[in-house]
């Protein structure tokens, strides 16, 4: 798995996404083509880093998925406050 900032020219299109979809959430793609969005993408990245599918199995549990999605949405709405620099910098929301 490789992290790629969507701000690089052509990245959204290369993955079949729009710039808006990339601005709304993180995305992760498995070699087989399965796509993960938002909290699911975070879980996929952690699963890949650990070499274990456990985070994705836990994310699939009813209740835990909704909780993680809600936390992810809150962080995503406020990520402009986290700062950043370089290719992944985000600005103030409109």
N, C-alpha and C. Protein backbone atom coordinates (compact mmCIF):
# COMPACT_ATOMS: atom_id res chain seq x y z
N UNK A 1 0.86 -1.17 0.00
CA UNK A 1 0.00 0.00 0.00
C UNK A 1 0.90 1.23 0.00
N UNK A 2 0.53 2.20 -0.78
CA UNK A 2 1.29 3.44 -0.88
C UNK A 2 0.36 4.61 -0.66
N UNK A 3 0.77 5.56 0.14
CA UNK A 3 -0.02 6.78 0.35
C UNK A 3 0.32 7.76 -0.77
N UNK A 4 -0.73 8.29 -1.38
CA UNK A 4 -0.55 9.23 -2.48
C UNK A 4 -1.45 10.44 -2.22
N UNK A 5 -0.86 11.65 -2.15
CA UNK A 5 -1.71 12.83 -1.93
C UNK A 5 -2.55 13.12 -3.18
N UNK A 6 -3.84 13.30 -2.97
CA UNK A 6 -4.73 13.55 -4.11
C UNK A 6 -4.44 14.88 -4.78
N UNK A 7 -3.71 15.77 -4.10
CA UNK A 7 -3.41 17.07 -4.66
C UNK A 7 -2.43 17.00 -5.83
N UNK A 8 -1.73 15.89 -5.98
CA UNK A 8 -0.83 15.74 -7.12
C UNK A 8 -1.66 15.64 -8.40
N UNK A 9 -1.17 16.24 -9.44
CA UNK A 9 -1.88 16.25 -10.71
C UNK A 9 -2.23 14.84 -11.18
N UNK A 10 -3.49 14.64 -11.53
CA UNK A 10 -3.96 13.39 -12.12
C UNK A 10 -4.25 12.25 -11.16
N UNK A 11 -3.98 12.44 -9.86
CA UNK A 11 -4.18 11.34 -8.91
C UNK A 11 -5.65 10.93 -8.80
N UNK A 12 -6.60 11.85 -8.59
CA UNK A 12 -7.99 11.40 -8.48
C UNK A 12 -8.45 10.60 -9.71
N UNK A 13 -8.12 11.10 -10.88
CA UNK A 13 -8.54 10.43 -12.11
C UNK A 13 -7.90 9.05 -12.24
N UNK A 14 -6.64 8.94 -11.82
CA UNK A 14 -5.93 7.66 -11.91
C UNK A 14 -6.64 6.57 -11.11
N UNK A 15 -7.33 6.98 -10.05
CA UNK A 15 -8.02 6.01 -9.19
C UNK A 15 -9.53 6.02 -9.40
N UNK A 16 -9.99 6.70 -10.45
CA UNK A 16 -11.41 6.72 -10.76
C UNK A 16 -12.24 7.53 -9.78
N UNK A 17 -11.62 8.55 -9.18
CA UNK A 17 -12.30 9.40 -8.21
C UNK A 17 -12.38 10.83 -8.72
N UNK A 18 -13.26 11.60 -8.10
CA UNK A 18 -13.29 13.03 -8.37
C UNK A 18 -12.48 13.74 -7.28
N UNK A 19 -12.09 14.94 -7.56
CA UNK A 19 -11.38 15.75 -6.57
C UNK A 19 -12.26 15.93 -5.33
N UNK A 20 -13.57 16.12 -5.54
CA UNK A 20 -14.50 16.30 -4.43
C UNK A 20 -14.54 15.06 -3.52
N UNK A 21 -14.55 13.88 -4.13
CA UNK A 21 -14.55 12.64 -3.34
C UNK A 21 -13.29 12.54 -2.49
N UNK A 22 -12.18 12.99 -3.06
CA UNK A 22 -10.90 12.95 -2.33
C UNK A 22 -10.86 14.00 -1.22
N UNK A 23 -11.51 15.12 -1.43
CA UNK A 23 -11.55 16.17 -0.40
C UNK A 23 -12.44 15.76 0.77
N UNK A 24 -13.44 14.93 0.51
CA UNK A 24 -14.37 14.49 1.55
C UNK A 24 -13.79 13.41 2.45
N UNK A 25 -12.97 12.53 1.90
CA UNK A 25 -12.52 11.37 2.69
C UNK A 25 -11.24 10.77 2.13
N UNK A 26 -10.56 10.04 3.00
CA UNK A 26 -9.41 9.24 2.59
C UNK A 26 -9.93 8.02 1.84
N UNK A 27 -9.11 7.47 0.97
CA UNK A 27 -9.46 6.28 0.21
C UNK A 27 -8.33 5.27 0.29
N UNK A 28 -8.67 3.99 0.28
CA UNK A 28 -7.69 2.92 0.22
C UNK A 28 -8.18 1.88 -0.78
N UNK A 29 -7.27 1.33 -1.54
CA UNK A 29 -7.60 0.36 -2.57
C UNK A 29 -6.79 -0.90 -2.36
N UNK A 30 -7.48 -2.04 -2.31
CA UNK A 30 -6.80 -3.32 -2.19
C UNK A 30 -6.37 -3.78 -3.58
N UNK A 31 -5.33 -4.61 -3.66
CA UNK A 31 -4.88 -5.10 -4.97
C UNK A 31 -5.99 -5.76 -5.79
N UNK A 32 -6.95 -6.40 -5.14
CA UNK A 32 -8.06 -7.05 -5.85
C UNK A 32 -9.12 -6.08 -6.35
N UNK A 33 -9.00 -4.80 -6.00
CA UNK A 33 -9.94 -3.80 -6.47
C UNK A 33 -10.93 -3.31 -5.43
N UNK A 34 -10.99 -3.94 -4.27
CA UNK A 34 -11.90 -3.48 -3.23
C UNK A 34 -11.49 -2.09 -2.77
N UNK A 35 -12.48 -1.20 -2.63
CA UNK A 35 -12.22 0.19 -2.24
C UNK A 35 -12.76 0.45 -0.84
N UNK A 36 -12.03 1.25 -0.09
CA UNK A 36 -12.44 1.63 1.26
C UNK A 36 -12.43 3.15 1.33
N UNK A 37 -13.43 3.71 2.00
CA UNK A 37 -13.57 5.16 2.12
C UNK A 37 -13.62 5.56 3.58
N UNK A 38 -13.06 6.72 3.92
CA UNK A 38 -13.18 7.27 5.26
C UNK A 38 -12.58 6.38 6.33
N UNK A 39 -13.37 6.09 7.36
CA UNK A 39 -12.89 5.25 8.46
C UNK A 39 -12.50 3.86 7.95
N UNK A 40 -13.19 3.39 6.93
CA UNK A 40 -12.84 2.10 6.34
C UNK A 40 -11.45 2.13 5.73
N UNK A 41 -11.09 3.26 5.11
CA UNK A 41 -9.75 3.41 4.53
C UNK A 41 -8.69 3.43 5.62
N UNK A 42 -8.98 4.08 6.73
CA UNK A 42 -8.04 4.09 7.86
C UNK A 42 -7.84 2.68 8.38
N UNK A 43 -8.93 1.95 8.53
CA UNK A 43 -8.84 0.56 8.99
C UNK A 43 -8.06 -0.31 8.01
N UNK A 44 -8.27 -0.09 6.72
CA UNK A 44 -7.54 -0.85 5.71
C UNK A 44 -6.05 -0.55 5.79
N UNK A 45 -5.69 0.71 6.00
CA UNK A 45 -4.28 1.09 6.11
C UNK A 45 -3.64 0.47 7.35
N UNK A 46 -4.37 0.48 8.46
CA UNK A 46 -3.85 -0.13 9.69
C UNK A 46 -3.71 -1.64 9.52
N UNK A 47 -4.70 -2.27 8.88
CA UNK A 47 -4.64 -3.71 8.63
C UNK A 47 -3.42 -4.04 7.78
N UNK A 48 -3.17 -3.23 6.75
CA UNK A 48 -2.02 -3.46 5.89
C UNK A 48 -0.72 -3.29 6.68
N UNK A 49 -0.65 -2.23 7.49
CA UNK A 49 0.57 -1.97 8.27
C UNK A 49 0.85 -3.09 9.26
N UNK A 50 -0.19 -3.64 9.86
CA UNK A 50 -0.03 -4.73 10.83
C UNK A 50 0.17 -6.09 10.16
N UNK A 51 -0.26 -6.17 8.91
CA UNK A 51 -0.22 -7.45 8.23
C UNK A 51 -1.31 -8.40 8.69
N UNK A 52 -2.34 -7.84 9.31
CA UNK A 52 -3.46 -8.62 9.85
C UNK A 52 -4.78 -7.96 9.46
N UNK A 53 -5.79 -8.74 9.12
CA UNK A 53 -7.08 -8.15 8.74
C UNK A 53 -7.94 -7.71 9.93
N UNK A 54 -7.46 -7.87 11.15
CA UNK A 54 -8.27 -7.60 12.34
C UNK A 54 -8.97 -6.24 12.31
N UNK A 55 -8.29 -5.13 11.98
CA UNK A 55 -9.00 -3.84 11.98
C UNK A 55 -10.22 -3.83 11.07
N UNK A 56 -10.12 -4.45 9.91
CA UNK A 56 -11.27 -4.49 9.00
C UNK A 56 -12.38 -5.39 9.53
N UNK A 57 -12.01 -6.47 10.22
CA UNK A 57 -13.03 -7.34 10.83
C UNK A 57 -13.76 -6.59 11.95
N UNK A 58 -13.02 -5.86 12.75
CA UNK A 58 -13.64 -5.08 13.83
C UNK A 58 -14.53 -3.98 13.26
N UNK A 59 -14.06 -3.33 12.19
CA UNK A 59 -14.83 -2.26 11.56
C UNK A 59 -16.16 -2.79 11.01
N UNK A 60 -16.20 -4.05 10.67
CA UNK A 60 -17.43 -4.65 10.12
C UNK A 60 -18.48 -4.91 11.19
N UNK A 61 -18.11 -4.84 12.45
CA UNK A 61 -19.08 -5.12 13.52
C UNK A 61 -20.11 -4.00 13.63
N UNK A 62 -21.38 -4.37 13.74
CA UNK A 62 -22.44 -3.36 13.90
C UNK A 62 -22.17 -2.52 15.15
N UNK A 63 -22.38 -1.26 15.01
CA UNK A 63 -22.14 -0.33 16.12
C UNK A 63 -20.75 0.25 16.07
N UNK A 64 -19.74 -0.60 15.94
CA UNK A 64 -18.37 -0.10 15.87
C UNK A 64 -18.14 0.67 14.58
N UNK A 65 -18.69 0.17 13.50
CA UNK A 65 -18.59 0.87 12.21
C UNK A 65 -19.22 2.26 12.32
N UNK A 66 -20.40 2.34 12.87
CA UNK A 66 -21.08 3.63 12.97
C UNK A 66 -20.31 4.59 13.86
N UNK A 67 -19.77 4.09 14.96
CA UNK A 67 -18.97 4.92 15.86
C UNK A 67 -17.73 5.45 15.14
N UNK A 68 -17.00 4.57 14.47
CA UNK A 68 -15.80 4.99 13.77
C UNK A 68 -16.13 5.96 12.64
N UNK A 69 -17.22 5.71 11.93
CA UNK A 69 -17.63 6.63 10.85
C UNK A 69 -17.94 8.02 11.41
N UNK A 70 -18.61 8.07 12.56
CA UNK A 70 -18.95 9.36 13.17
C UNK A 70 -17.70 10.11 13.62
N UNK A 71 -16.77 9.39 14.23
CA UNK A 71 -15.51 10.03 14.66
C UNK A 71 -14.73 10.50 13.44
N UNK A 72 -14.65 9.68 12.41
CA UNK A 72 -13.94 10.06 11.20
C UNK A 72 -14.56 11.32 10.59
N UNK A 73 -15.88 11.35 10.50
CA UNK A 73 -16.57 12.51 9.91
C UNK A 73 -16.26 13.78 10.69
N UNK A 74 -16.22 13.68 12.01
CA UNK A 74 -15.92 14.86 12.83
C UNK A 74 -14.49 15.34 12.60
N UNK A 75 -13.55 14.42 12.56
CA UNK A 75 -12.16 14.79 12.30
C UNK A 75 -12.03 15.38 10.90
N UNK A 76 -12.68 14.76 9.91
CA UNK A 76 -12.59 15.25 8.54
C UNK A 76 -13.15 16.66 8.41
N UNK A 77 -14.24 16.94 9.11
CA UNK A 77 -14.82 18.29 9.06
C UNK A 77 -13.89 19.33 9.68
N UNK A 78 -13.04 18.91 10.57
CA UNK A 78 -12.17 19.84 11.29
C UNK A 78 -10.69 19.69 10.94
N UNK A 79 -10.39 18.95 9.90
CA UNK A 79 -8.98 18.70 9.58
C UNK A 79 -8.22 19.97 9.20
N UNK A 80 -8.91 20.99 8.73
CA UNK A 80 -8.24 22.24 8.40
C UNK A 80 -7.59 22.86 9.64
N UNK A 81 -8.07 22.49 10.81
CA UNK A 81 -7.50 23.01 12.06
C UNK A 81 -6.23 22.26 12.46
N UNK A 82 -5.98 21.13 11.82
CA UNK A 82 -4.81 20.33 12.16
C UNK A 82 -3.54 20.86 11.49
N UNK A 83 -3.71 21.77 10.55
CA UNK A 83 -2.55 22.33 9.87
C UNK A 83 -2.09 21.42 8.77
N UNK A 84 -0.82 21.46 8.50
CA UNK A 84 -0.26 20.65 7.43
C UNK A 84 0.60 21.52 6.55
N UNK A 85 1.41 20.87 5.78
CA UNK A 85 2.27 21.59 4.86
C UNK A 85 2.58 20.68 3.68
N UNK A 86 3.14 21.24 2.67
CA UNK A 86 3.54 20.45 1.51
C UNK A 86 2.35 19.98 0.71
N UNK A 87 2.49 18.81 0.09
CA UNK A 87 1.49 18.29 -0.83
C UNK A 87 0.14 18.02 -0.19
N UNK A 88 0.11 17.76 1.11
CA UNK A 88 -1.14 17.38 1.77
C UNK A 88 -1.77 18.52 2.56
N UNK A 89 -1.29 19.72 2.39
CA UNK A 89 -1.83 20.85 3.14
C UNK A 89 -3.30 21.05 2.79
N UNK A 90 -4.08 21.43 3.78
CA UNK A 90 -5.48 21.76 3.57
C UNK A 90 -5.72 23.15 4.08
N UNK A 91 -6.65 23.85 3.45
CA UNK A 91 -6.95 25.22 3.87
C UNK A 91 -8.24 25.29 4.62
N UNK A 92 -8.68 26.49 4.90
CA UNK A 92 -9.95 26.71 5.57
C UNK A 92 -11.08 26.25 4.67
N UNK A 93 -12.11 25.66 5.21
CA UNK A 93 -13.24 25.25 4.38
C UNK A 93 -13.97 26.48 3.88
N UNK A 94 -14.68 26.36 2.74
CA UNK A 94 -15.40 27.52 2.19
C UNK A 94 -16.50 27.99 3.11
